[in-house]
Amino acid sequence: MADLLADITAYLLTGDDEQVSSLTRQALAAGHKPKDILDRGLLAGMAVVGERFKAHEMYLPDVLMAAQAMNAGMEHLKPLLVRDGVPSLGKVVLGTVQGDLHDIGKNLVAVMLKGAGFEVLDLGSDVSPARFVEAARQHGAPVIGMSALLTTTMPMMGAVVRLVKESGLAGQIKTIVGGAPVTEKFAREIGADAHGFDAANAVERVRALIGR
């Protein structure tokens, strides 16, 4: 029976969503617990994807295909995981800051976070500071992740950090920033809690912020 979970991982790595969907159904029919299929099949595969992406052995199209395959499996698991009360690693509010419409990097971070077991609330692009903070407050998310590609929109990251503090949420909500022009030095200057230099690193930083 364990071979089914290994097969799910293997087909996820090739981005075969039909096989992952079919094998997930077979694993459930064979009596595997939804949490085991998630952890030892889907998330195990996405962990390999993350490592290979970090090592430049997989590229963006491969990662997106693997994510699509994971989503195909999750379609069968999600209602069962909700029923069983299985918690995610934590919630992350994600978006590209106000004035910036670039979202490829942000979308990749969302894929990698989901693949690591986080629940991602993706607000899209051109997101105002108020929307970031309100979404985090409303959904009880301990992390806000912000992306920017334009240097002209980077100051909006500082505006989000300030609003978190002004709202009295600095102890409850952590902030992480990233994007091509964003540096560790800039993150420190605006008071962000972390800087992710690429998608895989962003996942590691979010884990550290949440204590996972």
Foldseek 3Di string as FASTA:
>chain_A
DLVLQVVLLVVLQQLNQVSNLVSLVVCVVVPDQLVCSLVSHQLVNLVVVLVCVVVVNDDDVSLVSSLSSSVSSVVVRVVRCVVVVPDFLFEEEEEEAAPAQDCSQRVSLVSSLVSNGYHYRYPHYNDALVRQLVVCVVVVGQEYEYEYADPVRVVRLLVNVVVCVVVVNPVRHAYEYEYDVDDQVNCVVSVHPYYQDGSSSVNVVVCVSSVD
